[in-house]
PDB file of all heavy atoms in Angstrom:
ATOM      1  N   ALA A   1      -2.233 -14.172  -5.631  1.00  0.00           N
ATOM      2  CA  ALA A   1      -2.060 -14.670  -6.990  1.00  0.00           C
ATOM      3  C   ALA A   1      -0.566 -14.766  -7.270  1.00  0.00           C
ATOM      4  O   ALA A   1       0.209 -13.916  -6.807  1.00  0.00           O
ATOM      5  CB  ALA A   1      -2.725 -13.749  -8.007  1.00  0.00           C
ATOM      6  N   ILE A   2      -0.180 -15.798  -8.007  1.00  0.00           N
ATOM      7  CA  ILE A   2       1.230 -15.996  -8.328  1.00  0.00           C
ATOM      8  C   ILE A   2       1.380 -16.232  -9.835  1.00  0.00           C
ATOM      9  O   ILE A   2       1.659 -17.339 -10.287  1.00  0.00           O
ATOM     10  CB  ILE A   2       1.843 -17.167  -7.523  1.00  0.00           C
ATOM     11  CG1 ILE A   2       1.550 -17.026  -6.035  1.00  0.00           C
ATOM     12  CG2 ILE A   2       3.356 -17.230  -7.761  1.00  0.00           C
ATOM     13  CD1 ILE A   2       2.011 -18.204  -5.186  1.00  0.00           C
ATOM     14  N   PRO A   3       1.174 -15.169 -10.626  1.00  0.00           N
ATOM     15  CA  PRO A   3       1.396 -15.328 -12.056  1.00  0.00           C
ATOM     16  C   PRO A   3       2.876 -15.601 -12.327  1.00  0.00           C
ATOM     17  O   PRO A   3       3.747 -15.157 -11.582  1.00  0.00           O
ATOM     18  CB  PRO A   3       0.949 -13.992 -12.642  1.00  0.00           C
ATOM     19  CG  PRO A   3       1.057 -13.025 -11.521  1.00  0.00           C
ATOM     20  CD  PRO A   3       0.810 -13.806 -10.271  1.00  0.00           C
ATOM     21  N   HIS A   4       3.121 -16.360 -13.385  1.00  0.00           N
ATOM     22  CA  HIS A   4       4.485 -16.724 -13.719  1.00  0.00           C
ATOM     23  C   HIS A   4       4.549 -17.164 -15.170  1.00  0.00           C
ATOM     24  O   HIS A   4       3.531 -17.482 -15.776  1.00  0.00           O
ATOM     25  CB  HIS A   4       4.985 -17.851 -12.811  1.00  0.00           C
ATOM     26  CG  HIS A   4       4.089 -19.057 -12.823  1.00  0.00           C
ATOM     27  ND1 HIS A   4       2.943 -19.132 -12.057  1.00  0.00           N
ATOM     28  CD2 HIS A   4       4.140 -20.198 -13.536  1.00  0.00           C
ATOM     29  CE1 HIS A   4       2.352 -20.286 -12.275  1.00  0.00           C
ATOM     30  NE2 HIS A   4       3.051 -20.954 -13.176  1.00  0.00           N
ATOM     31  N   ALA A   5       5.754 -17.186 -15.687  1.00  0.00           N
ATOM     32  CA  ALA A   5       5.964 -17.707 -17.029  1.00  0.00           C
ATOM     33  C   ALA A   5       7.426 -18.056 -17.219  1.00  0.00           C
ATOM     34  O   ALA A   5       8.307 -17.354 -16.731  1.00  0.00           O
ATOM     35  CB  ALA A   5       5.541 -16.686 -18.081  1.00  0.00           C
ATOM     36  N   LYS A   6       7.634 -19.138 -17.915  1.00  0.00           N
ATOM     37  CA  LYS A   6       8.968 -19.460 -18.410  1.00  0.00           C
ATOM     38  C   LYS A   6       9.083 -18.689 -19.715  1.00  0.00           C
ATOM     39  O   LYS A   6       8.231 -18.808 -20.597  1.00  0.00           O
ATOM     40  CB  LYS A   6       9.098 -20.958 -18.638  1.00  0.00           C
ATOM     41  CG  LYS A   6      10.432 -21.384 -19.167  1.00  0.00           C
ATOM     42  CD  LYS A   6      10.530 -22.880 -19.271  1.00  0.00           C
ATOM     43  CE  LYS A   6       9.783 -23.354 -20.489  1.00  0.00           C
ATOM     44  NZ  LYS A   6      10.031 -24.769 -20.799  1.00  0.00           N
ATOM     45  N   SER A   7      10.112 -17.862 -19.829  1.00  0.00           N
ATOM     46  CA  SER A   7      10.176 -16.968 -20.976  1.00  0.00           C
ATOM     47  C   SER A   7      11.614 -16.692 -21.399  1.00  0.00           C
ATOM     48  O   SER A   7      12.491 -16.495 -20.550  1.00  0.00           O
ATOM     49  CB  SER A   7       9.497 -15.643 -20.618  1.00  0.00           C
ATOM     50  OG  SER A   7       9.622 -14.698 -21.647  1.00  0.00           O
ATOM     51  N   ALA A   8      11.823 -16.628 -22.702  1.00  0.00           N
ATOM     52  CA  ALA A   8      13.130 -16.252 -23.238  1.00  0.00           C
ATOM     53  C   ALA A   8      13.440 -14.785 -22.952  1.00  0.00           C
ATOM     54  O   ALA A   8      14.585 -14.361 -23.059  1.00  0.00           O
ATOM     55  CB  ALA A   8      13.163 -16.514 -24.745  1.00  0.00           C
ATOM     56  N   ALA A   9      12.440 -14.008 -22.570  1.00  0.00           N
ATOM     57  CA  ALA A   9      12.637 -12.594 -22.247  1.00  0.00           C
ATOM     58  C   ALA A   9      13.256 -12.384 -20.871  1.00  0.00           C
ATOM     59  O   ALA A   9      13.672 -11.282 -20.534  1.00  0.00           O
ATOM     60  CB  ALA A   9      11.301 -11.853 -22.328  1.00  0.00           C
ATOM     61  N   VAL A  10      13.338 -13.436 -20.073  1.00  0.00           N
ATOM     62  CA  VAL A  10      13.868 -13.325 -18.707  1.00  0.00           C
ATOM     63  C   VAL A  10      15.385 -13.449 -18.727  1.00  0.00           C
ATOM     64  O   VAL A  10      15.939 -14.417 -19.260  1.00  0.00           O
ATOM     65  CB  VAL A  10      13.250 -14.403 -17.789  1.00  0.00           C
ATOM     66  CG1 VAL A  10      13.879 -14.362 -16.403  1.00  0.00           C
ATOM     67  CG2 VAL A  10      11.736 -14.217 -17.696  1.00  0.00           C
ATOM     68  N   LEU A  11      16.055 -12.471 -18.134  1.00  0.00           N
ATOM     69  CA  LEU A  11      17.511 -12.477 -18.045  1.00  0.00           C
ATOM     70  C   LEU A  11      18.010 -13.233 -16.823  1.00  0.00           C
ATOM     71  O   LEU A  11      19.069 -13.857 -16.857  1.00  0.00           O
ATOM     72  CB  LEU A  11      18.037 -11.035 -18.013  1.00  0.00           C
ATOM     73  CG  LEU A  11      17.742 -10.211 -19.263  1.00  0.00           C
ATOM     74  CD1 LEU A  11      18.120  -8.749 -19.033  1.00  0.00           C
ATOM     75  CD2 LEU A  11      18.473 -10.789 -20.461  1.00  0.00           C
ATOM     76  N   ARG A  12      17.253 -13.130 -15.726  1.00  0.00           N
ATOM     77  CA  ARG A  12      17.629 -13.854 -14.506  1.00  0.00           C
ATOM     78  C   ARG A  12      16.369 -14.180 -13.717  1.00  0.00           C
ATOM     79  O   ARG A  12      15.418 -13.390 -13.685  1.00  0.00           O
ATOM     80  CB  ARG A  12      18.620 -13.067 -13.669  1.00  0.00           C
ATOM     81  CG  ARG A  12      18.091 -11.771 -13.135  1.00  0.00           C
ATOM     82  CD  ARG A  12      19.132 -11.095 -12.234  1.00  0.00           C
ATOM     83  NE  ARG A  12      18.648  -9.783 -11.877  1.00  0.00           N
ATOM     84  CZ  ARG A  12      19.324  -8.668 -12.029  1.00  0.00           C
ATOM     85  NH1 ARG A  12      20.539  -8.699 -12.525  1.00  0.00           N
ATOM     86  NH2 ARG A  12      18.820  -7.517 -11.670  1.00  0.00           N
ATOM     87  N   PRO A  13      16.354 -15.337 -13.069  1.00  0.00           N
ATOM     88  CA  PRO A  13      15.192 -15.717 -12.268  1.00  0.00           C
ATOM     89  C   PRO A  13      14.963 -14.679 -11.177  1.00  0.00           C
ATOM     90  O   PRO A  13      15.913 -14.216 -10.537  1.00  0.00           O
ATOM     91  CB  PRO A  13      15.596 -17.051 -11.655  1.00  0.00           C
ATOM     92  CG  PRO A  13      16.736 -17.540 -12.474  1.00  0.00           C
ATOM     93  CD  PRO A  13      17.411 -16.325 -13.023  1.00  0.00           C
ATOM     94  N   SER A  14      13.702 -14.309 -10.993  1.00  0.00           N
ATOM     95  CA  SER A  14      13.409 -13.258 -10.018  1.00  0.00           C
ATOM     96  C   SER A  14      11.940 -13.281  -9.608  1.00  0.00           C
ATOM     97  O   SER A  14      11.111 -13.929 -10.236  1.00  0.00           O
ATOM     98  CB  SER A  14      13.788 -11.891 -10.592  1.00  0.00           C
ATOM     99  OG  SER A  14      13.252 -11.740 -11.892  1.00  0.00           O
ATOM    100  N   LEU A  15      11.669 -12.538  -8.545  1.00  0.00           N
ATOM    101  CA  LEU A  15      10.332 -12.456  -7.971  1.00  0.00           C
ATOM    102  C   LEU A  15      10.024 -11.004  -7.645  1.00  0.00           C
ATOM    103  O   LEU A  15      10.858 -10.309  -7.070  1.00  0.00           O
ATOM    104  CB  LEU A  15      10.270 -13.299  -6.688  1.00  0.00           C
ATOM    105  CG  LEU A  15       8.993 -13.265  -5.870  1.00  0.00           C
ATOM    106  CD1 LEU A  15       7.870 -13.991  -6.601  1.00  0.00           C
ATOM    107  CD2 LEU A  15       9.231 -13.927  -4.518  1.00  0.00           C
ATOM    108  N   ALA A  16       8.834 -10.554  -8.030  1.00  0.00           N
ATOM    109  CA  ALA A  16       8.367  -9.207  -7.663  1.00  0.00           C
ATOM    110  C   ALA A  16       7.057  -9.366  -6.904  1.00  0.00           C
ATOM    111  O   ALA A  16       6.251 -10.250  -7.213  1.00  0.00           O
ATOM    112  CB  ALA A  16       8.168  -8.339  -8.901  1.00  0.00           C
ATOM    113  N   ARG A  17       6.849  -8.503  -5.913  1.00  0.00           N
ATOM    114  CA  ARG A  17       5.656  -8.584  -5.062  1.00  0.00           C
ATOM    115  C   ARG A  17       4.938  -7.248  -5.050  1.00  0.00           C
ATOM    116  O   ARG A  17       5.556  -6.192  -4.954  1.00  0.00           O
ATOM    117  CB  ARG A  17       6.066  -8.933  -3.644  1.00  0.00           C
ATOM    118  CG  ARG A  17       4.927  -8.908  -2.657  1.00  0.00           C
ATOM    119  CD  ARG A  17       5.452  -9.280  -1.271  1.00  0.00           C
ATOM    120  NE  ARG A  17       4.422  -9.141  -0.291  1.00  0.00           N
ATOM    121  CZ  ARG A  17       4.414  -8.217   0.667  1.00  0.00           C
ATOM    122  NH1 ARG A  17       5.403  -7.365   0.763  1.00  0.00           N
ATOM    123  NH2 ARG A  17       3.432  -8.164   1.526  1.00  0.00           N
ATOM    124  N   LEU A  18       3.613  -7.310  -5.115  1.00  0.00           N
ATOM    125  CA  LEU A  18       2.774  -6.116  -5.049  1.00  0.00           C
ATOM    126  C   LEU A  18       1.668  -6.349  -4.042  1.00  0.00           C
ATOM    127  O   LEU A  18       0.911  -7.315  -4.156  1.00  0.00           O
ATOM    128  CB  LEU A  18       2.179  -5.816  -6.430  1.00  0.00           C
ATOM    129  CG  LEU A  18       1.251  -4.605  -6.538  1.00  0.00           C
ATOM    130  CD1 LEU A  18       2.013  -3.310  -6.249  1.00  0.00           C
ATOM    131  CD2 LEU A  18       0.619  -4.551  -7.926  1.00  0.00           C
ATOM    132  N   SER A  19       1.593  -5.487  -3.039  1.00  0.00           N
ATOM    133  CA  SER A  19       0.505  -5.526  -2.059  1.00  0.00           C
ATOM    134  C   SER A  19      -0.470  -4.415  -2.401  1.00  0.00           C
ATOM    135  O   SER A  19      -0.060  -3.268  -2.600  1.00  0.00           O
ATOM    136  CB  SER A  19       1.040  -5.322  -0.636  1.00  0.00           C
ATOM    137  OG  SER A  19       1.857  -6.402  -0.278  1.00  0.00           O
ATOM    138  N   LEU A  20      -1.736  -4.745  -2.437  1.00  0.00           N
ATOM    139  CA  LEU A  20      -2.776  -3.797  -2.829  1.00  0.00           C
ATOM    140  C   LEU A  20      -3.582  -3.345  -1.619  1.00  0.00           C
ATOM    141  O   LEU A  20      -3.794  -4.116  -0.685  1.00  0.00           O
ATOM    142  CB  LEU A  20      -3.704  -4.464  -3.853  1.00  0.00           C
ATOM    143  CG  LEU A  20      -2.982  -5.013  -5.085  1.00  0.00           C
ATOM    144  CD1 LEU A  20      -3.855  -6.024  -5.807  1.00  0.00           C
ATOM    145  CD2 LEU A  20      -2.595  -3.875  -5.999  1.00  0.00           C
ATOM    146  N   LYS A  21      -4.044  -2.109  -1.655  1.00  0.00           N
ATOM    147  CA  LYS A  21      -4.867  -1.585  -0.559  1.00  0.00           C
ATOM    148  C   LYS A  21      -6.252  -2.218  -0.563  1.00  0.00           C
ATOM    149  O   LYS A  21      -6.840  -2.446   0.480  1.00  0.00           O
ATOM    150  CB  LYS A  21      -4.979  -0.069  -0.658  1.00  0.00           C
ATOM    151  CG  LYS A  21      -3.691   0.643  -0.351  1.00  0.00           C
ATOM    152  CD  LYS A  21      -3.855   2.133  -0.421  1.00  0.00           C
ATOM    153  CE  LYS A  21      -2.521   2.815  -0.140  1.00  0.00           C
ATOM    154  NZ  LYS A  21      -2.612   4.269  -0.194  1.00  0.00           N
ATOM    155  N   ALA A  22      -6.763  -2.458  -1.747  1.00  0.00           N
ATOM    156  CA  ALA A  22      -8.089  -3.061  -1.890  1.00  0.00           C
ATOM    157  C   ALA A  22      -7.978  -4.267  -2.812  1.00  0.00           C
ATOM    158  O   ALA A  22      -7.150  -4.280  -3.736  1.00  0.00           O
ATOM    159  CB  ALA A  22      -9.073  -2.047  -2.465  1.00  0.00           C
ATOM    160  N   PRO A  23      -8.778  -5.287  -2.593  1.00  0.00           N
ATOM    161  CA  PRO A  23      -8.721  -6.472  -3.457  1.00  0.00           C
ATOM    162  C   PRO A  23      -9.109  -6.161  -4.901  1.00  0.00           C
ATOM    163  O   PRO A  23      -9.898  -5.255  -5.158  1.00  0.00           O
ATOM    164  CB  PRO A  23      -9.743  -7.421  -2.841  1.00  0.00           C
ATOM    165  CG  PRO A  23     -10.155  -6.849  -1.555  1.00  0.00           C
ATOM    166  CD  PRO A  23      -9.779  -5.410  -1.547  1.00  0.00           C
ATOM    167  N   ILE A  24      -8.513  -6.929  -5.813  1.00  0.00           N
ATOM    168  CA  ILE A  24      -8.873  -6.869  -7.231  1.00  0.00           C
ATOM    169  C   ILE A  24      -9.259  -8.274  -7.677  1.00  0.00           C
ATOM    170  O   ILE A  24      -8.888  -9.266  -7.042  1.00  0.00           O
ATOM    171  CB  ILE A  24      -7.723  -6.335  -8.111  1.00  0.00           C
ATOM    172  CG1 ILE A  24      -6.480  -7.242  -8.002  1.00  0.00           C
ATOM    173  CG2 ILE A  24      -7.389  -4.896  -7.769  1.00  0.00           C
ATOM    174  CD1 ILE A  24      -5.394  -6.947  -9.013  1.00  0.00           C
ATOM    175  N   LYS A  25      -9.998  -8.360  -8.759  1.00  0.00           N
ATOM    176  CA  LYS A  25     -10.343  -9.656  -9.330  1.00  0.00           C
ATOM    177  C   LYS A  25      -9.151 -10.192 -10.106  1.00  0.00           C
ATOM    178  O   LYS A  25      -8.568  -9.501 -10.941  1.00  0.00           O
ATOM    179  CB  LYS A  25     -11.533  -9.544 -10.284  1.00  0.00           C
ATOM    180  CG  LYS A  25     -12.863  -9.508  -9.597  1.00  0.00           C
ATOM    181  CD  LYS A  25     -13.172 -10.847  -8.970  1.00  0.00           C
ATOM    182  CE  LYS A  25     -14.562 -10.804  -8.343  1.00  0.00           C
ATOM    183  NZ  LYS A  25     -14.756 -11.896  -7.412  1.00  0.00           N
ATOM    184  N   TRP A  26      -8.760 -11.404  -9.808  1.00  0.00           N
ATOM    185  CA  TRP A  26      -7.729 -12.104 -10.555  1.00  0.00           C
ATOM    186  C   TRP A  26      -8.353 -13.448 -10.893  1.00  0.00           C
ATOM    187  O   TRP A  26      -8.554 -14.264 -10.008  1.00  0.00           O
ATOM    188  CB  TRP A  26      -6.469 -12.288  -9.714  1.00  0.00           C
ATOM    189  CG  TRP A  26      -5.275 -12.614 -10.546  1.00  0.00           C
ATOM    190  CD1 TRP A  26      -4.953 -13.828 -11.091  1.00  0.00           C
ATOM    191  CD2 TRP A  26      -4.243 -11.712 -10.948  1.00  0.00           C
ATOM    192  NE1 TRP A  26      -3.793 -13.727 -11.794  1.00  0.00           N
ATOM    193  CE2 TRP A  26      -3.336 -12.439 -11.726  1.00  0.00           C
ATOM    194  CE3 TRP A  26      -4.003 -10.363 -10.716  1.00  0.00           C
ATOM    195  CZ2 TRP A  26      -2.196 -11.869 -12.283  1.00  0.00           C
ATOM    196  CZ3 TRP A  26      -2.879  -9.793 -11.268  1.00  0.00           C
ATOM    197  CH2 TRP A  26      -1.979 -10.535 -12.036  1.00  0.00           C
ATOM    198  N   GLY A  27      -8.679 -13.623 -12.138  1.00  0.00           N
ATOM    199  CA  GLY A  27      -9.471 -14.797 -12.488  1.00  0.00           C
ATOM    200  C   GLY A  27     -10.829 -14.650 -11.832  1.00  0.00           C
ATOM    201  O   GLY A  27     -11.482 -13.618 -11.964  1.00  0.00           O
ATOM    202  N   ASN A  28     -11.218 -15.625 -11.056  1.00  0.00           N
ATOM    203  CA  ASN A  28     -12.508 -15.549 -10.366  1.00  0.00           C
ATOM    204  C   ASN A  28     -12.362 -15.333  -8.865  1.00  0.00           C
ATOM    205  O   ASN A  28     -13.303 -15.556  -8.108  1.00  0.00           O
ATOM    206  CB  ASN A  28     -13.332 -16.812 -10.645  1.00  0.00           C
ATOM    207  CG  ASN A  28     -12.660 -18.065 -10.101  1.00  0.00           C
ATOM    208  OD1 ASN A  28     -11.505 -18.031  -9.694  1.00  0.00           O
ATOM    209  ND2 ASN A  28     -13.372 -19.166 -10.101  1.00  0.00           N
ATOM    210  N   LYS A  29     -11.196 -14.897  -8.431  1.00  0.00           N
ATOM    211  CA  LYS A  29     -10.951 -14.687  -7.000  1.00  0.00           C
ATOM    212  C   LYS A  29     -10.519 -13.258  -6.735  1.00  0.00           C
ATOM    213  O   LYS A  29      -9.999 -12.576  -7.603  1.00  0.00           O
ATOM    214  CB  LYS A  29      -9.881 -15.658  -6.501  1.00  0.00           C
ATOM    215  CG  LYS A  29     -10.303 -17.098  -6.661  1.00  0.00           C
ATOM    216  CD  LYS A  29      -9.341 -18.029  -6.003  1.00  0.00           C
ATOM    217  CE  LYS A  29      -9.838 -19.443  -6.263  1.00  0.00           C
ATOM    218  NZ  LYS A  29      -9.414 -20.386  -5.301  1.00  0.00           N
ATOM    219  N   ASP A  30     -10.751 -12.818  -5.509  1.00  0.00           N
ATOM    220  CA  ASP A  30     -10.273 -11.516  -5.059  1.00  0.00           C
ATOM    221  C   ASP A  30      -8.885 -11.693  -4.458  1.00  0.00           C
ATOM    222  O   ASP A  30      -8.678 -12.576  -3.620  1.00  0.00           O
ATOM    223  CB  ASP A  30     -11.211 -10.930  -3.997  1.00  0.00           C
ATOM    224  CG  ASP A  30     -12.558 -10.540  -4.568  1.00  0.00           C
ATOM    225  OD1 ASP A  30     -12.618 -10.177  -5.754  1.00  0.00           O
ATOM    226  OD2 ASP A  30     -13.555 -10.594  -3.830  1.00  0.00           O
ATOM    227  N   VAL A  31      -7.948 -10.858  -4.885  1.00  0.00           N
ATOM    228  CA  VAL A  31      -6.586 -10.936  -4.355  1.00  0.00           C
ATOM    229  C   VAL A  31      -6.119  -9.563  -3.874  1.00  0.00           C
ATOM    230  O   VAL A  31      -6.542  -8.534  -4.396  1.00  0.00           O
ATOM    231  CB  VAL A  31      -5.586 -11.512  -5.390  1.00  0.00           C
ATOM    232  CG1 VAL A  31      -5.999 -12.894  -5.826  1.00  0.00           C
ATOM    233  CG2 VAL A  31      -5.422 -10.611  -6.575  1.00  0.00           C
ATOM    234  N   LYS A  32      -5.256  -9.583  -2.869  1.00  0.00           N
ATOM    235  CA  LYS A  32      -4.648  -8.349  -2.360  1.00  0.00           C
ATOM    236  C   LYS A  32      -3.127  -8.372  -2.479  1.00  0.00           C
ATOM    237  O   LYS A  32      -2.481  -7.358  -2.291  1.00  0.00           O
ATOM    238  CB  LYS A  32      -5.040  -8.129  -0.894  1.00  0.00           C
ATOM    239  CG  LYS A  32      -6.450  -7.573  -0.748  1.00  0.00           C
ATOM    240  CD  LYS A  32      -6.720  -7.146   0.668  1.00  0.00           C
ATOM    241  CE  LYS A  32      -5.964  -5.873   0.985  1.00  0.00           C
ATOM    242  NZ  LYS A  32      -6.297  -5.284   2.271  1.00  0.00           N
ATOM    243  N   THR A  33      -2.567  -9.543  -2.750  1.00  0.00           N
ATOM    244  CA  THR A  33      -1.123  -9.667  -2.914  1.00  0.00           C
ATOM    245  C   THR A  33      -0.850 -10.467  -4.179  1.00  0.00           C
ATOM    246  O   THR A  33      -1.432 -11.533  -4.380  1.00  0.00           O
ATOM    247  CB  THR A  33      -0.468 -10.371  -1.709  1.00  0.00           C
ATOM    248  OG1 THR A  33      -0.817  -9.683  -0.508  1.00  0.00           O
ATOM    249  CG2 THR A  33       1.050 -10.396  -1.847  1.00  0.00           C
ATOM    250  N   VAL A  34       0.040  -9.929  -5.020  1.00  0.00           N
ATOM    251  CA  VAL A  34       0.391 -10.596  -6.269  1.00  0.00           C
ATOM    252  C   VAL A  34       1.906 -10.735  -6.325  1.00  0.00           C
ATOM    253  O   VAL A  34       2.640  -9.768  -6.113  1.00  0.00           O
ATOM    254  CB  VAL A  34      -0.115  -9.803  -7.498  1.00  0.00           C
ATOM    255  CG1 VAL A  34       0.186 -10.568  -8.779  1.00  0.00           C
ATOM    256  CG2 VAL A  34      -1.604  -9.494  -7.384  1.00  0.00           C
ATOM    257  N   TYR A  35       2.359 -11.943  -6.578  1.00  0.00           N
ATOM    258  CA  TYR A  35       3.774 -12.237  -6.768  1.00  0.00           C
ATOM    259  C   TYR A  35       3.961 -12.612  -8.234  1.00  0.00           C
ATOM    260  O   TYR A  35       3.279 -13.513  -8.721  1.00  0.00           O
ATOM    261  CB  TYR A  35       4.211 -13.425  -5.908  1.00  0.00           C
ATOM    262  CG  TYR A  35       4.109 -13.207  -4.424  1.00  0.00           C
ATOM    263  CD1 TYR A  35       2.952 -13.531  -3.733  1.00  0.00           C
ATOM    264  CD2 TYR A  35       5.180 -12.688  -3.713  1.00  0.00           C
ATOM    265  CE1 TYR A  35       2.860 -13.342  -2.357  1.00  0.00           C
ATOM    266  CE2 TYR A  35       5.101 -12.498  -2.342  1.00  0.00           C
ATOM    267  CZ  TYR A  35       3.942 -12.829  -1.666  1.00  0.00           C
ATOM    268  OH  TYR A  35       3.856 -12.644  -0.314  1.00  0.00           O
ATOM    269  N   LEU A  36       4.873 -11.964  -8.934  1.00  0.00           N
ATOM    270  CA  LEU A  36       5.155 -12.296 -10.329  1.00  0.00           C
ATOM    271  C   LEU A  36       6.524 -12.952 -10.416  1.00  0.00           C
ATOM    272  O   LEU A  36       7.549 -12.323 -10.114  1.00  0.00           O
ATOM    273  CB  LEU A  36       5.106 -11.048 -11.217  1.00  0.00           C
ATOM    274  CG  LEU A  36       5.445 -11.258 -12.696  1.00  0.00           C
ATOM    275  CD1 LEU A  36       4.532 -12.290 -13.356  1.00  0.00           C
ATOM    276  CD2 LEU A  36       5.390  -9.931 -13.443  1.00  0.00           C
ATOM    277  N   ILE A  37       6.521 -14.226 -10.812  1.00  0.00           N
ATOM    278  CA  ILE A  37       7.765 -14.976 -10.964  1.00  0.00           C
ATOM    279  C   ILE A  37       8.232 -14.884 -12.413  1.00  0.00           C
ATOM    280  O   ILE A  37       7.474 -15.190 -13.336  1.00  0.00           O
ATOM    281  CB  ILE A  37       7.579 -16.459 -10.582  1.00  0.00           C
ATOM    282  CG1 ILE A  37       7.180 -16.589  -9.108  1.00  0.00           C
ATOM    283  CG2 ILE A  37       8.853 -17.251 -10.871  1.00  0.00           C
ATOM    284  CD1 ILE A  37       6.828 -18.011  -8.684  1.00  0.00           C
ATOM    285  N   ALA A  38       9.474 -14.466 -12.588  1.00  0.00           N
ATOM    286  CA  ALA A  38      10.109 -14.432 -13.903  1.00  0.00           C
ATOM    287  C   ALA A  38      11.153 -15.547 -13.947  1.00  0.00           C
ATOM    288  O   ALA A  38      12.012 -15.609 -13.070  1.00  0.00           O
ATOM    289  CB  ALA A  38      10.761 -13.078 -14.148  1.00  0.00           C
ATOM    290  N   SER A  39      11.036 -16.396 -14.942  1.00  0.00           N
ATOM    291  CA  SER A  39      11.942 -17.540 -15.007  1.00  0.00           C
ATOM    292  C   SER A  39      12.341 -17.841 -16.443  1.00  0.00           C
ATOM    293  O   SER A  39      11.491 -17.873 -17.325  1.00  0.00           O
ATOM    294  CB  SER A  39      11.253 -18.764 -14.405  1.00  0.00           C
ATOM    295  OG  SER A  39      12.055 -19.902 -14.540  1.00  0.00           O
ATOM    296  N   PRO A  40      13.632 -18.091 -16.664  1.00  0.00           N
ATOM    297  CA  PRO A  40      14.059 -18.480 -18.004  1.00  0.00           C
ATOM    298  C   PRO A  40      13.873 -19.978 -18.259  1.00  0.00           C
ATOM    299  O   PRO A  40      13.965 -20.436 -19.382  1.00  0.00           O
ATOM    300  CB  PRO A  40      15.544 -18.099 -18.031  1.00  0.00           C
ATOM    301  CG  PRO A  40      15.966 -18.234 -16.613  1.00  0.00           C
ATOM    302  CD  PRO A  40      14.769 -17.854 -15.782  1.00  0.00           C
ATOM    303  N   ASP A  41      13.620 -20.754 -17.188  1.00  0.00           N
ATOM    304  CA  ASP A  41      13.483 -22.200 -17.336  1.00  0.00           C
ATOM    305  C   ASP A  41      12.634 -22.777 -16.209  1.00  0.00           C
ATOM    306  O   ASP A  41      12.310 -22.097 -15.246  1.00  0.00           O
ATOM    307  CB  ASP A  41      14.861 -22.869 -17.354  1.00  0.00           C
ATOM    308  CG  ASP A  41      15.683 -22.532 -16.113  1.00  0.00           C
ATOM    309  OD1 ASP A  41      15.159 -22.619 -14.984  1.00  0.00           O
ATOM    310  OD2 ASP A  41      16.854 -22.161 -16.270  1.00  0.00           O
ATOM    311  N   ASP A  42      12.290 -24.049 -16.342  1.00  0.00           N
ATOM    312  CA  ASP A  42      11.443 -24.696 -15.342  1.00  0.00           C
ATOM    313  C   ASP A  42      12.129 -24.848 -13.990  1.00  0.00           C
ATOM    314  O   ASP A  42      11.505 -24.732 -12.958  1.00  0.00           O
ATOM    315  CB  ASP A  42      10.996 -26.077 -15.830  1.00  0.00           C
ATOM    316  CG  ASP A  42       9.947 -25.985 -16.913  1.00  0.00           C
ATOM    317  OD1 ASP A  42       9.220 -24.976 -16.953  1.00  0.00           O
ATOM    318  OD2 ASP A  42       9.851 -26.918 -17.718  1.00  0.00           O
TER     319      ASP A  42
END
């Protein structure tokens, strides 16, 4: 899963990654790795 948002709360563009031991439901899919993109602009 790659959640993201363009947000005024973001100070600098960045990426965080989380690897899970067991899958979780994200929407209607099972995921084991989640990347969160923080972006101040498109």
